[in-house]
Amino acid sequence: MSQKLSPAARRAKAARDKAYAMSEWGKKKKRDAQKKKCKSGYDYDHRTKKCIPASKNRAGGPGGTKNEKTSSRYGY
C-alpha cells in the first residue's frame, strides 16, 4: 500500500530514499544481495542471511527495525 503524500512530499521522500540507497551501507547491501542470486520474487534478508520471499522481507518482523544493531553487526 503506497503512502498518500503530496507531490512535494513525494519528491522529497524519493530524494531521501535515493540518498540512503546510494550510501555506503546501501551499496554494501546491494552488493551482498546480488552475490546471493536469489530466485525471482525473493530478496536477500541481511538479518537472517538467506533468501526469503520479498513480501516477507519488509520492516524486520514483528518488532520492526528500531532495535536492530546495524553498527555492531556489520561495522557501519
PDB file of N, CA and C in Angstrom:
ATOM      1  N   MET A   1       0.843  -1.177   0.000  1.00  0.00           N
ATOM      2  CA  MET A   1       0.000   0.000   0.000  1.00  0.00           C
ATOM      3  C   MET A   1       0.888   1.239   0.000  1.00  0.00           C
ATOM      4  N   SER A   2       0.684   2.102  -0.948  1.00  0.00           N
ATOM      5  CA  SER A   2       1.526   3.286  -1.044  1.00  0.00           C
ATOM      6  C   SER A   2       1.068   4.363  -0.055  1.00  0.00           C
ATOM      7  N   GLN A   3       2.005   5.220   0.270  1.00  0.00           N
ATOM      8  CA  GLN A   3       1.682   6.316   1.172  1.00  0.00           C
ATOM      9  C   GLN A   3       0.959   7.402   0.409  1.00  0.00           C
ATOM     10  N   LYS A   4       0.051   8.089   1.073  1.00  0.00           N
ATOM     11  CA  LYS A   4      -0.671   9.195   0.446  1.00  0.00           C
ATOM     12  C   LYS A   4       0.083  10.479   0.743  1.00  0.00           C
ATOM     13  N   LEU A   5       0.954  10.856  -0.181  1.00  0.00           N
ATOM     14  CA  LEU A   5       1.792  12.032   0.010  1.00  0.00           C
ATOM     15  C   LEU A   5       1.461  13.091  -1.027  1.00  0.00           C
ATOM     16  N   SER A   6       1.674  14.334  -0.642  1.00  0.00           N
ATOM     17  CA  SER A   6       1.520  15.420  -1.602  1.00  0.00           C
ATOM     18  C   SER A   6       2.651  15.314  -2.626  1.00  0.00           C
ATOM     19  N   PRO A   7       2.500  15.950  -3.769  1.00  0.00           N
ATOM     20  CA  PRO A   7       3.574  15.881  -4.778  1.00  0.00           C
ATOM     21  C   PRO A   7       4.926  16.353  -4.242  1.00  0.00           C
ATOM     22  N   ALA A   8       4.936  17.419  -3.439  1.00  0.00           N
ATOM     23  CA  ALA A   8       6.204  17.917  -2.889  1.00  0.00           C
ATOM     24  C   ALA A   8       6.804  16.917  -1.905  1.00  0.00           C
ATOM     25  N   ALA A   9       5.966  16.333  -1.074  1.00  0.00           N
ATOM     26  CA  ALA A   9       6.444  15.344  -0.106  1.00  0.00           C
ATOM     27  C   ALA A   9       6.935  14.091  -0.812  1.00  0.00           C
ATOM     28  N   ARG A  10       6.267  13.713  -1.896  1.00  0.00           N
ATOM     29  CA  ARG A  10       6.677  12.535  -2.657  1.00  0.00           C
ATOM     30  C   ARG A  10       8.062  12.737  -3.257  1.00  0.00           C
ATOM     31  N   ARG A  11       8.318  13.925  -3.802  1.00  0.00           N
ATOM     32  CA  ARG A  11       9.639  14.219  -4.368  1.00  0.00           C
ATOM     33  C   ARG A  11      10.718  14.228  -3.281  1.00  0.00           C
ATOM     34  N   ALA A  12      10.387  14.811  -2.121  1.00  0.00           N
ATOM     35  CA  ALA A  12      11.355  14.858  -1.024  1.00  0.00           C
ATOM     36  C   ALA A  12      11.674  13.450  -0.531  1.00  0.00           C
ATOM     37  N   LYS A  13      10.650  12.602  -0.426  1.00  0.00           N
ATOM     38  CA  LYS A  13      10.869  11.224   0.026  1.00  0.00           C
ATOM     39  C   LYS A  13      11.703  10.452  -0.988  1.00  0.00           C
ATOM     40  N   ALA A  14      11.438  10.664  -2.268  1.00  0.00           N
ATOM     41  CA  ALA A  14      12.214   9.985  -3.312  1.00  0.00           C
ATOM     42  C   ALA A  14      13.683  10.383  -3.224  1.00  0.00           C
ATOM     43  N   ALA A  15      13.943  11.658  -2.959  1.00  0.00           N
ATOM     44  CA  ALA A  15      15.330  12.125  -2.834  1.00  0.00           C
ATOM     45  C   ALA A  15      15.999  11.504  -1.612  1.00  0.00           C
ATOM     46  N   ARG A  16      15.286  11.443  -0.485  1.00  0.00           N
ATOM     47  CA  ARG A  16      15.837  10.824   0.736  1.00  0.00           C
ATOM     48  C   ARG A  16      16.117   9.346   0.518  1.00  0.00           C
ATOM     49  N   ASP A  17      15.172   8.647  -0.099  1.00  0.00           N
ATOM     50  CA  ASP A  17      15.332   7.215  -0.342  1.00  0.00           C
ATOM     51  C   ASP A  17      16.517   6.943  -1.268  1.00  0.00           C
ATOM     52  N   LYS A  18      16.661   7.764  -2.294  1.00  0.00           N
ATOM     53  CA  LYS A  18      17.772   7.597  -3.243  1.00  0.00           C
ATOM     54  C   LYS A  18      19.107   7.838  -2.538  1.00  0.00           C
ATOM     55  N   ALA A  19      19.167   8.882  -1.697  1.00  0.00           N
ATOM     56  CA  ALA A  19      20.408   9.180  -0.970  1.00  0.00           C
ATOM     57  C   ALA A  19      20.773   8.028  -0.040  1.00  0.00           C
ATOM     58  N   TYR A  20      19.774   7.442   0.623  1.00  0.00           N
ATOM     59  CA  TYR A  20      20.043   6.322   1.523  1.00  0.00           C
ATOM     60  C   TYR A  20      20.515   5.099   0.732  1.00  0.00           C
ATOM     61  N   ALA A  21      19.859   4.827  -0.399  1.00  0.00           N
ATOM     62  CA  ALA A  21      20.235   3.664  -1.207  1.00  0.00           C
ATOM     63  C   ALA A  21      21.640   3.801  -1.776  1.00  0.00           C
ATOM     64  N   MET A  22      22.074   5.030  -2.015  1.00  0.00           N
ATOM     65  CA  MET A  22      23.395   5.244  -2.599  1.00  0.00           C
ATOM     66  C   MET A  22      24.477   5.472  -1.539  1.00  0.00           C
ATOM     67  N   SER A  23      24.111   5.363  -0.262  1.00  0.00           N
ATOM     68  CA  SER A  23      25.114   5.477   0.796  1.00  0.00           C
ATOM     69  C   SER A  23      26.003   4.233   0.785  1.00  0.00           C
ATOM     70  N   GLU A  24      27.087   4.273   1.515  1.00  0.00           N
ATOM     71  CA  GLU A  24      27.987   3.105   1.569  1.00  0.00           C
ATOM     72  C   GLU A  24      27.250   1.871   2.079  1.00  0.00           C
ATOM     73  N   TRP A  25      26.400   2.053   3.089  1.00  0.00           N
ATOM     74  CA  TRP A  25      25.649   0.925   3.655  1.00  0.00           C
ATOM     75  C   TRP A  25      24.667   0.379   2.619  1.00  0.00           C
ATOM     76  N   GLY A  26      23.982   1.254   1.890  1.00  0.00           N
ATOM     77  CA  GLY A  26      23.048   0.805   0.857  1.00  0.00           C
ATOM     78  C   GLY A  26      23.752   0.061  -0.256  1.00  0.00           C
ATOM     79  N   LYS A  27      24.917   0.556  -0.656  1.00  0.00           N
ATOM     80  CA  LYS A  27      25.678  -0.102  -1.719  1.00  0.00           C
ATOM     81  C   LYS A  27      26.177  -1.468  -1.263  1.00  0.00           C
ATOM     82  N   LYS A  28      26.585  -1.574   0.000  1.00  0.00           N
ATOM     83  CA  LYS A  28      27.045  -2.861   0.528  1.00  0.00           C
ATOM     84  C   LYS A  28      25.907  -3.883   0.522  1.00  0.00           C
ATOM     85  N   LYS A  29      24.713  -3.451   0.946  1.00  0.00           N
ATOM     86  CA  LYS A  29      23.568  -4.365   0.949  1.00  0.00           C
ATOM     87  C   LYS A  29      23.239  -4.820  -0.468  1.00  0.00           C
ATOM     88  N   LYS A  30      23.321  -3.910  -1.425  1.00  0.00           N
ATOM     89  CA  LYS A  30      23.024  -4.268  -2.815  1.00  0.00           C
ATOM     90  C   LYS A  30      24.054  -5.258  -3.346  1.00  0.00           C
ATOM     91  N   ARG A  31      25.339  -5.030  -3.061  1.00  0.00           N
ATOM     92  CA  ARG A  31      26.383  -5.970  -3.497  1.00  0.00           C
ATOM     93  C   ARG A  31      26.139  -7.357  -2.911  1.00  0.00           C
ATOM     94  N   ASP A  32      25.857  -7.413  -1.601  1.00  0.00           N
ATOM     95  CA  ASP A  32      25.616  -8.696  -0.935  1.00  0.00           C
ATOM     96  C   ASP A  32      24.428  -9.417  -1.558  1.00  0.00           C
ATOM     97  N   ALA A  33      23.349  -8.688  -1.794  1.00  0.00           N
ATOM     98  CA  ALA A  33      22.136  -9.293  -2.336  1.00  0.00           C
ATOM     99  C   ALA A  33      22.385  -9.827  -3.743  1.00  0.00           C
ATOM    100  N   GLN A  34      23.121  -9.083  -4.558  1.00  0.00           N
ATOM    101  CA  GLN A  34      23.389  -9.537  -5.918  1.00  0.00           C
ATOM    102  C   GLN A  34      24.291 -10.761  -5.945  1.00  0.00           C
ATOM    103  N   LYS A  35      25.203 -10.867  -4.985  1.00  0.00           N
ATOM    104  CA  LYS A  35      26.083 -12.044  -4.913  1.00  0.00           C
ATOM    105  C   LYS A  35      25.293 -13.305  -4.598  1.00  0.00           C
ATOM    106  N   LYS A  36      24.214 -13.186  -3.835  1.00  0.00           N
ATOM    107  CA  LYS A  36      23.449 -14.364  -3.408  1.00  0.00           C
ATOM    108  C   LYS A  36      22.592 -14.939  -4.526  1.00  0.00           C
ATOM    109  N   LYS A  37      22.266 -14.144  -5.548  1.00  0.00           N
ATOM    110  CA  LYS A  37      21.484 -14.596  -6.707  1.00  0.00           C
ATOM    111  C   LYS A  37      20.202 -15.311  -6.285  1.00  0.00           C
ATOM    112  N   CYS A  38      19.367 -14.618  -5.549  1.00  0.00           N
ATOM    113  CA  CYS A  38      18.076 -15.177  -5.138  1.00  0.00           C
ATOM    114  C   CYS A  38      17.173 -15.340  -6.354  1.00  0.00           C
ATOM    115  N   LYS A  39      16.308 -16.342  -6.296  1.00  0.00           N
ATOM    116  CA  LYS A  39      15.406 -16.558  -7.427  1.00  0.00           C
ATOM    117  C   LYS A  39      14.362 -15.442  -7.502  1.00  0.00           C
ATOM    118  N   SER A  40      13.652 -15.368  -8.613  1.00  0.00           N
ATOM    119  CA  SER A  40      12.691 -14.301  -8.854  1.00  0.00           C
ATOM    120  C   SER A  40      11.632 -14.253  -7.752  1.00  0.00           C
ATOM    121  N   GLY A  41      11.342 -13.041  -7.275  1.00  0.00           N
ATOM    122  CA  GLY A  41      10.348 -12.875  -6.220  1.00  0.00           C
ATOM    123  C   GLY A  41      10.911 -13.004  -4.821  1.00  0.00           C
ATOM    124  N   TYR A  42      12.212 -13.256  -4.718  1.00  0.00           N
ATOM    125  CA  TYR A  42      12.865 -13.405  -3.419  1.00  0.00           C
ATOM    126  C   TYR A  42      13.889 -12.290  -3.221  1.00  0.00           C
ATOM    127  N   ASP A  43      14.071 -11.899  -1.970  1.00  0.00           N
ATOM    128  CA  ASP A  43      15.073 -10.904  -1.603  1.00  0.00           C
ATOM    129  C   ASP A  43      16.039 -11.522  -0.608  1.00  0.00           C
ATOM    130  N   TYR A  44      17.245 -10.980  -0.575  1.00  0.00           N
ATOM    131  CA  TYR A  44      18.216 -11.418   0.431  1.00  0.00           C
ATOM    132  C   TYR A  44      17.944 -10.659   1.718  1.00  0.00           C
ATOM    133  N   ASP A  45      17.704 -11.381   2.795  1.00  0.00           N
ATOM    134  CA  ASP A  45      17.453 -10.771   4.095  1.00  0.00           C
ATOM    135  C   ASP A  45      18.773 -10.690   4.846  1.00  0.00           C
ATOM    136  N   HIS A  46      19.248  -9.475   5.092  1.00  0.00           N
ATOM    137  CA  HIS A  46      20.534  -9.290   5.746  1.00  0.00           C
ATOM    138  C   HIS A  46      20.490  -9.644   7.231  1.00  0.00           C
ATOM    139  N   ARG A  47      19.302  -9.712   7.790  1.00  0.00           N
ATOM    140  CA  ARG A  47      19.179 -10.060   9.203  1.00  0.00           C
ATOM    141  C   ARG A  47      19.309 -11.568   9.399  1.00  0.00           C
ATOM    142  N   THR A  48      18.606 -12.355   8.554  1.00  0.00           N
ATOM    143  CA  THR A  48      18.662 -13.815   8.685  1.00  0.00           C
ATOM    144  C   THR A  48      19.710 -14.447   7.779  1.00  0.00           C
ATOM    145  N   LYS A  49      20.268 -13.630   6.862  1.00  0.00           N
ATOM    146  CA  LYS A  49      21.313 -14.066   5.938  1.00  0.00           C
ATOM    147  C   LYS A  49      20.871 -15.197   5.012  1.00  0.00           C
ATOM    148  N   LYS A  50      19.639 -15.076   4.456  1.00  0.00           N
ATOM    149  CA  LYS A  50      19.183 -16.038   3.465  1.00  0.00           C
ATOM    150  C   LYS A  50      18.135 -15.390   2.575  1.00  0.00           C
ATOM    151  N   CYS A  51      17.824 -16.045   1.456  1.00  0.00           N
ATOM    152  CA  CYS A  51      16.817 -15.539   0.523  1.00  0.00           C
ATOM    153  C   CYS A  51      15.432 -15.898   1.057  1.00  0.00           C
ATOM    154  N   ILE A  52      14.574 -14.896   1.122  1.00  0.00           N
ATOM    155  CA  ILE A  52      13.201 -15.106   1.580  1.00  0.00           C
ATOM    156  C   ILE A  52      12.267 -14.386   0.622  1.00  0.00           C
ATOM    157  N   PRO A  53      10.966 -14.742   0.613  1.00  0.00           N
ATOM    158  CA  PRO A  53      10.034 -14.043  -0.275  1.00  0.00           C
ATOM    159  C   PRO A  53      10.062 -12.536  -0.021  1.00  0.00           C
ATOM    160  N   ALA A  54      10.018 -11.768  -1.088  1.00  0.00           N
ATOM    161  CA  ALA A  54      10.088 -10.310  -0.968  1.00  0.00           C
ATOM    162  C   ALA A  54       8.977  -9.768  -0.082  1.00  0.00           C
ATOM    163  N   SER A  55       7.808 -10.391  -0.117  1.00  0.00           N
ATOM    164  CA  SER A  55       6.692  -9.914   0.690  1.00  0.00           C
ATOM    165  C   SER A  55       6.959 -10.074   2.185  1.00  0.00           C
ATOM    166  N   LYS A  56       7.838 -10.985   2.557  1.00  0.00           N
ATOM    167  CA  LYS A  56       8.157 -11.210   3.969  1.00  0.00           C
ATOM    168  C   LYS A  56       9.377 -10.410   4.423  1.00  0.00           C
ATOM    169  N   ASN A  57      10.091  -9.797   3.478  1.00  0.00           N
ATOM    170  CA  ASN A  57      11.325  -9.089   3.811  1.00  0.00           C
ATOM    171  C   ASN A  57      11.061  -7.589   3.955  1.00  0.00           C
ATOM    172  N   ARG A  58      10.083  -7.241   4.771  1.00  0.00           N
ATOM    173  CA  ARG A  58       9.735  -5.850   4.988  1.00  0.00           C
ATOM    174  C   ARG A  58       9.605  -5.581   6.481  1.00  0.00           C
ATOM    175  N   ALA A  59      10.164  -4.481   6.925  1.00  0.00           N
ATOM    176  CA  ALA A  59      10.009  -3.963   8.285  1.00  0.00           C
ATOM    177  C   ALA A  59      10.618  -4.833   9.376  1.00  0.00           C
ATOM    178  N   GLY A  60      11.456  -5.791   9.063  1.00  0.00           N
ATOM    179  CA  GLY A  60      12.221  -6.502  10.071  1.00  0.00           C
ATOM    180  C   GLY A  60      11.447  -7.377  11.025  1.00  0.00           C
ATOM    181  N   GLY A  61      10.250  -7.806  10.685  1.00  0.00           N
ATOM    182  CA  GLY A  61       9.491  -8.705  11.543  1.00  0.00           C
ATOM    183  C   GLY A  61       8.597  -7.978  12.525  1.00  0.00           C
ATOM    184  N   PRO A  62       8.105  -8.683  13.550  1.00  0.00           N
ATOM    185  CA  PRO A  62       7.106  -8.103  14.444  1.00  0.00           C
ATOM    186  C   PRO A  62       7.599  -6.885  15.221  1.00  0.00           C
ATOM    187  N   GLY A  63       8.877  -6.806  15.530  1.00  0.00           N
ATOM    188  CA  GLY A  63       9.375  -5.671  16.305  1.00  0.00           C
ATOM    189  C   GLY A  63       9.820  -4.492  15.465  1.00  0.00           C
ATOM    190  N   GLY A  64       9.682  -4.584  14.143  1.00  0.00           N
ATOM    191  CA  GLY A  64      10.167  -3.519  13.274  1.00  0.00           C
ATOM    192  C   GLY A  64      11.682  -3.556  13.181  1.00  0.00           C
ATOM    193  N   THR A  65      12.277  -2.424  12.836  1.00  0.00           N
ATOM    194  CA  THR A  65      13.728  -2.388  12.681  1.00  0.00           C
ATOM    195  C   THR A  65      14.401  -1.459  13.679  1.00  0.00           C
ATOM    196  N   LYS A  66      13.632  -0.876  14.585  1.00  0.00           N
ATOM    197  CA  LYS A  66      14.202   0.094  15.517  1.00  0.00           C
ATOM    198  C   LYS A  66      15.293  -0.496  16.406  1.00  0.00           C
ATOM    199  N   ASN A  67      15.182  -1.755  16.766  1.00  0.00           N
ATOM    200  CA  ASN A  67      16.127  -2.342  17.718  1.00  0.00           C
ATOM    201  C   ASN A  67      17.248  -3.143  17.069  1.00  0.00           C
ATOM    202  N   GLU A  68      17.321  -3.131  15.745  1.00  0.00           N
ATOM    203  CA  GLU A  68      18.405  -3.854  15.088  1.00  0.00           C
ATOM    204  C   GLU A  68      19.724  -3.135  15.342  1.00  0.00           C
ATOM    205  N   LYS A  69      20.747  -3.886  15.584  1.00  0.00           N
ATOM    206  CA  LYS A  69      22.061  -3.327  15.909  1.00  0.00           C
ATOM    207  C   LYS A  69      22.948  -3.360  14.678  1.00  0.00           C
ATOM    208  N   THR A  70      22.659  -2.501  13.726  1.00  0.00           N
ATOM    209  CA  THR A  70      23.377  -2.493  12.457  1.00  0.00           C
ATOM    210  C   THR A  70      24.866  -2.259  12.654  1.00  0.00           C
ATOM    211  N   SER A  71      25.215  -1.270  13.470  1.00  0.00           N
ATOM    212  CA  SER A  71      26.630  -0.917  13.597  1.00  0.00           C
ATOM    213  C   SER A  71      27.430  -2.046  14.237  1.00  0.00           C
ATOM    214  N   SER A  72      26.853  -2.745  15.211  1.00  0.00           N
ATOM    215  CA  SER A  72      27.608  -3.808  15.849  1.00  0.00           C
ATOM    216  C   SER A  72      27.661  -5.055  14.972  1.00  0.00           C
ATOM    217  N   ARG A  73      26.621  -5.285  14.186  1.00  0.00           N
ATOM    218  CA  ARG A  73      26.577  -6.486  13.366  1.00  0.00           C
ATOM    219  C   ARG A  73      27.414  -6.350  12.104  1.00  0.00           C
ATOM    220  N   TYR A  74      27.370  -5.176  11.467  1.00  0.00           N
ATOM    221  CA  TYR A  74      28.015  -5.033  10.173  1.00  0.00           C
ATOM    222  C   TYR A  74      29.192  -4.059  10.177  1.00  0.00           C
ATOM    223  N   GLY A  75      29.413  -3.351  11.261  1.00  0.00           N
ATOM    224  CA  GLY A  75      30.516  -2.425  11.312  1.00  0.00           C
ATOM    225  C   GLY A  75      30.215  -1.079  10.677  1.00  0.00           C
ATOM    226  N   TYR A  76      28.930  -0.758  10.475  1.00  0.00           N
ATOM    227  CA  TYR A  76      28.550   0.538   9.916  1.00  0.00           C
ATOM    228  C   TYR A  76      27.927   1.396  10.985  1.00  0.00           C
TER     229      TYR A  76
END
